[in-house]
Amino acid sequence: MKYSELVLILYTVLAAVVTLATAWKEPGYTDDAGGWSIIIFIVLALLMPFIEKRVSH
């Protein structure tokens, strides 16, 4: 249970770091995919409690 939650957190952080690094290196990236990435991360943050409940049961 705790291991799965840790994996989810690490995966989210890793994805965020990769996205920020890509957006920082390529200014054009933020115009298109950057906005979608932010939206996806917000959705993931909202869904995270539900995912944790599913994993723990």
N, C-alpha and C. Protein backbone atom coordinates (compact mmCIF):
# COMPACT_ATOMS: atom_id res chain seq x y z
N MET A 1 0.84 -1.20 0.00
CA MET A 1 0.00 0.00 0.00
C MET A 1 0.88 1.25 0.00
N LYS A 2 1.77 1.35 0.96
CA LYS A 2 2.62 2.53 1.05
C LYS A 2 3.60 2.57 -0.13
N TYR A 3 4.03 1.40 -0.57
CA TYR A 3 4.96 1.34 -1.70
C TYR A 3 4.29 1.88 -2.97
N SER A 4 3.03 1.51 -3.19
CA SER A 4 2.31 1.97 -4.38
C SER A 4 2.11 3.48 -4.33
N GLU A 5 1.79 4.01 -3.16
CA GLU A 5 1.61 5.46 -3.04
C GLU A 5 2.92 6.17 -3.32
N LEU A 6 4.02 5.61 -2.83
CA LEU A 6 5.33 6.22 -3.07
C LEU A 6 5.66 6.22 -4.55
N VAL A 7 5.34 5.13 -5.24
CA VAL A 7 5.59 5.05 -6.68
C VAL A 7 4.78 6.10 -7.43
N LEU A 8 3.51 6.27 -7.04
CA LEU A 8 2.67 7.27 -7.70
C LEU A 8 3.23 8.67 -7.50
N ILE A 9 3.67 8.97 -6.27
CA ILE A 9 4.22 10.29 -5.98
C ILE A 9 5.50 10.52 -6.77
N LEU A 10 6.39 9.53 -6.77
CA LEU A 10 7.65 9.66 -7.48
C LEU A 10 7.42 9.82 -8.98
N TYR A 11 6.46 9.07 -9.52
CA TYR A 11 6.17 9.16 -10.95
C TYR A 11 5.65 10.56 -11.31
N THR A 12 4.76 11.10 -10.45
CA THR A 12 4.21 12.43 -10.70
C THR A 12 5.31 13.49 -10.64
N VAL A 13 6.18 13.39 -9.64
CA VAL A 13 7.28 14.35 -9.51
C VAL A 13 8.22 14.26 -10.71
N LEU A 14 8.53 13.04 -11.12
CA LEU A 14 9.43 12.84 -12.26
C LEU A 14 8.83 13.43 -13.53
N ALA A 15 7.54 13.19 -13.75
CA ALA A 15 6.87 13.73 -14.93
C ALA A 15 6.87 15.25 -14.89
N ALA A 16 6.66 15.83 -13.70
CA ALA A 16 6.65 17.29 -13.57
C ALA A 16 8.03 17.86 -13.87
N VAL A 17 9.07 17.22 -13.36
CA VAL A 17 10.44 17.70 -13.59
C VAL A 17 10.79 17.63 -15.07
N VAL A 18 10.44 16.52 -15.72
CA VAL A 18 10.73 16.36 -17.15
C VAL A 18 10.00 17.42 -17.96
N THR A 19 8.73 17.66 -17.62
CA THR A 19 7.93 18.65 -18.34
C THR A 19 8.51 20.05 -18.17
N LEU A 20 8.87 20.39 -16.93
CA LEU A 20 9.42 21.72 -16.67
C LEU A 20 10.76 21.89 -17.38
N ALA A 21 11.59 20.86 -17.38
CA ALA A 21 12.89 20.94 -18.04
C ALA A 21 12.71 21.11 -19.55
N THR A 22 11.77 20.38 -20.12
CA THR A 22 11.51 20.49 -21.56
C THR A 22 10.97 21.86 -21.91
N ALA A 23 10.04 22.35 -21.09
CA ALA A 23 9.45 23.67 -21.34
C ALA A 23 10.50 24.76 -21.19
N TRP A 24 11.46 24.56 -20.26
CA TRP A 24 12.49 25.57 -20.04
C TRP A 24 13.49 25.59 -21.20
N LYS A 25 13.81 24.41 -21.75
CA LYS A 25 14.78 24.34 -22.84
C LYS A 25 14.17 24.76 -24.17
N GLU A 26 12.88 24.47 -24.37
CA GLU A 26 12.22 24.79 -25.64
C GLU A 26 11.06 25.75 -25.39
N PRO A 27 11.28 27.05 -25.65
CA PRO A 27 10.21 28.05 -25.40
C PRO A 27 8.94 27.75 -26.17
N GLY A 28 9.06 27.21 -27.39
CA GLY A 28 7.87 26.91 -28.18
C GLY A 28 7.03 25.80 -27.58
N TYR A 29 7.65 24.99 -26.75
CA TYR A 29 6.95 23.85 -26.16
C TYR A 29 5.85 24.32 -25.22
N THR A 30 6.07 25.46 -24.56
CA THR A 30 5.10 25.93 -23.57
C THR A 30 3.81 26.41 -24.24
N ASP A 31 3.90 26.86 -25.49
CA ASP A 31 2.71 27.38 -26.17
C ASP A 31 1.70 26.27 -26.42
N ASP A 32 2.19 25.11 -26.85
CA ASP A 32 1.31 24.01 -27.23
C ASP A 32 1.09 23.03 -26.09
N ALA A 33 2.09 22.17 -25.89
CA ALA A 33 1.95 21.06 -24.96
C ALA A 33 2.05 21.51 -23.51
N GLY A 34 2.72 22.64 -23.25
CA GLY A 34 2.88 23.10 -21.88
C GLY A 34 1.55 23.31 -21.19
N GLY A 35 0.62 23.95 -21.89
CA GLY A 35 -0.70 24.19 -21.31
C GLY A 35 -1.41 22.89 -21.01
N TRP A 36 -1.33 21.95 -21.94
CA TRP A 36 -1.97 20.65 -21.72
C TRP A 36 -1.32 19.91 -20.57
N SER A 37 0.01 20.02 -20.43
CA SER A 37 0.70 19.34 -19.33
C SER A 37 0.22 19.86 -17.99
N ILE A 38 0.07 21.19 -17.88
CA ILE A 38 -0.42 21.79 -16.63
C ILE A 38 -1.82 21.27 -16.32
N ILE A 39 -2.68 21.22 -17.34
CA ILE A 39 -4.04 20.73 -17.14
C ILE A 39 -4.01 19.27 -16.69
N ILE A 40 -3.17 18.46 -17.32
CA ILE A 40 -3.07 17.04 -16.97
C ILE A 40 -2.59 16.88 -15.54
N PHE A 41 -1.60 17.70 -15.11
CA PHE A 41 -1.10 17.60 -13.75
C PHE A 41 -2.17 17.99 -12.74
N ILE A 42 -3.00 19.01 -13.07
CA ILE A 42 -4.09 19.41 -12.17
C ILE A 42 -5.09 18.26 -12.04
N VAL A 43 -5.43 17.63 -13.17
CA VAL A 43 -6.37 16.51 -13.14
C VAL A 43 -5.79 15.36 -12.32
N LEU A 44 -4.49 15.07 -12.51
CA LEU A 44 -3.85 14.01 -11.74
C LEU A 44 -3.88 14.32 -10.26
N ALA A 45 -3.64 15.58 -9.90
CA ALA A 45 -3.66 15.97 -8.49
C ALA A 45 -5.05 15.78 -7.89
N LEU A 46 -6.09 16.09 -8.70
CA LEU A 46 -7.46 15.92 -8.22
C LEU A 46 -7.82 14.44 -8.10
N LEU A 47 -7.30 13.61 -9.00
CA LEU A 47 -7.63 12.19 -8.99
C LEU A 47 -6.78 11.38 -8.02
N MET A 48 -5.66 11.95 -7.56
CA MET A 48 -4.74 11.21 -6.71
C MET A 48 -5.39 10.60 -5.46
N PRO A 49 -6.24 11.34 -4.72
CA PRO A 49 -6.88 10.73 -3.54
C PRO A 49 -7.71 9.50 -3.90
N PHE A 50 -8.44 9.56 -5.01
CA PHE A 50 -9.26 8.43 -5.44
C PHE A 50 -8.37 7.24 -5.81
N ILE A 51 -7.25 7.52 -6.49
CA ILE A 51 -6.32 6.47 -6.87
C ILE A 51 -5.74 5.80 -5.63
N GLU A 52 -5.40 6.61 -4.62
CA GLU A 52 -4.83 6.06 -3.39
C GLU A 52 -5.85 5.18 -2.68
N LYS A 53 -7.12 5.59 -2.70
CA LYS A 53 -8.16 4.77 -2.06
C LYS A 53 -8.30 3.44 -2.78
N ARG A 54 -8.25 3.47 -4.12
CA ARG A 54 -8.36 2.24 -4.90
C ARG A 54 -7.18 1.32 -4.60
N VAL A 55 -5.99 1.90 -4.51
CA VAL A 55 -4.78 1.10 -4.28
C VAL A 55 -4.78 0.50 -2.88
N SER A 56 -5.25 1.26 -1.89
CA SER A 56 -5.16 0.81 -0.50
C SER A 56 -6.16 -0.31 -0.20
N HIS A 57 -7.26 -0.38 -0.96
CA HIS A 57 -8.29 -1.39 -0.65
C HIS A 57 -8.03 -2.70 -1.38
